Amino acid sequence: MKHDSVLPSRRRFLRRGYSEGASTVLIGVGTAMLVQPFSLALFTWSFPVILAGALAFVVTSHFPD
């Protein structure tokens, strides 16, 4: 028995466009955190944020179009 009503929304969520966009935004936020001169806490967390964005981008680049 197929659940056709559930699969299209999951397939739409697992599309490359949304996920790659979110990963790119995460990398951009991490880069902004890295170069800002105001908060040491933001600077400290910038590398893990960039790394998480890069890993997410690598994973999501293998999703279907």
Protein backbone atom coordinates (compact mmCIF):
# COMPACT_ATOMS: atom_id res chain seq x y z
CA MET A 1 0.00 0.00 0.00
CA LYS A 2 1.47 3.34 -1.06
CA HIS A 3 1.01 6.53 0.91
CA ASP A 4 1.00 8.96 -2.01
CA SER A 5 -0.20 11.87 0.09
CA VAL A 6 2.86 11.73 2.37
CA LEU A 7 5.58 11.11 -0.19
CA PRO A 8 5.30 14.28 -2.30
CA SER A 9 5.85 16.56 0.70
CA ARG A 10 8.86 14.53 1.82
CA ARG A 11 10.24 14.51 -1.68
CA ARG A 12 9.77 18.26 -1.90
CA PHE A 13 11.63 18.71 1.40
CA LEU A 14 14.50 16.54 0.22
CA ARG A 15 15.03 18.54 -2.95
CA ARG A 16 18.37 20.12 -3.61
CA GLY A 17 17.18 23.72 -3.94
CA TYR A 18 15.90 24.33 -0.41
CA SER A 19 18.64 22.40 1.32
CA GLU A 20 21.52 23.88 -0.66
CA GLY A 21 20.13 27.35 -0.09
CA ALA A 22 19.93 26.81 3.66
CA SER A 23 23.47 25.39 3.70
CA THR A 24 24.77 28.37 1.76
CA VAL A 25 23.07 30.77 4.18
CA LEU A 26 24.65 28.88 7.09
CA ILE A 27 28.10 29.23 5.52
CA GLY A 28 27.47 32.95 4.99
CA VAL A 29 26.35 33.43 8.60
CA GLY A 30 29.45 31.60 9.82
CA THR A 31 31.67 33.79 7.66
CA ALA A 32 29.99 36.93 9.01
CA MET A 33 30.54 35.61 12.52
CA LEU A 34 34.21 35.06 11.69
CA VAL A 35 34.94 38.57 10.44
CA GLN A 36 32.90 40.64 12.92
CA PRO A 37 34.95 42.52 15.58
CA PHE A 38 32.30 42.81 18.32
CA SER A 39 31.83 39.48 20.09
CA LEU A 40 34.38 36.85 21.01
CA ALA A 41 31.59 34.28 21.48
CA LEU A 42 30.43 34.73 17.86
CA PHE A 43 34.02 34.44 16.67
CA THR A 44 34.50 31.28 18.73
CA TRP A 45 31.42 29.60 17.21
CA SER A 46 32.11 30.73 13.65
CA PHE A 47 34.23 27.74 12.61
CA PRO A 48 31.73 25.09 13.79
CA VAL A 49 28.95 26.98 11.99
CA ILE A 50 30.97 27.15 8.75
CA LEU A 51 31.89 23.47 9.10
CA ALA A 52 28.26 22.45 9.68
CA GLY A 53 27.20 24.45 6.63
CA ALA A 54 29.92 22.93 4.47
CA LEU A 55 29.07 19.38 5.56
CA ALA A 56 25.37 20.03 4.99
CA PHE A 57 26.17 21.39 1.52
CA VAL A 58 28.18 18.28 0.64
CA VAL A 59 25.37 16.00 1.80
CA THR A 60 22.58 17.97 0.14
CA SER A 61 24.45 18.24 -3.14
CA HIS A 62 23.75 14.53 -3.57
CA PHE A 63 19.98 15.03 -3.26
CA PRO A 64 17.88 14.81 -6.43
CA ASP A 65 17.02 17.97 -8.33
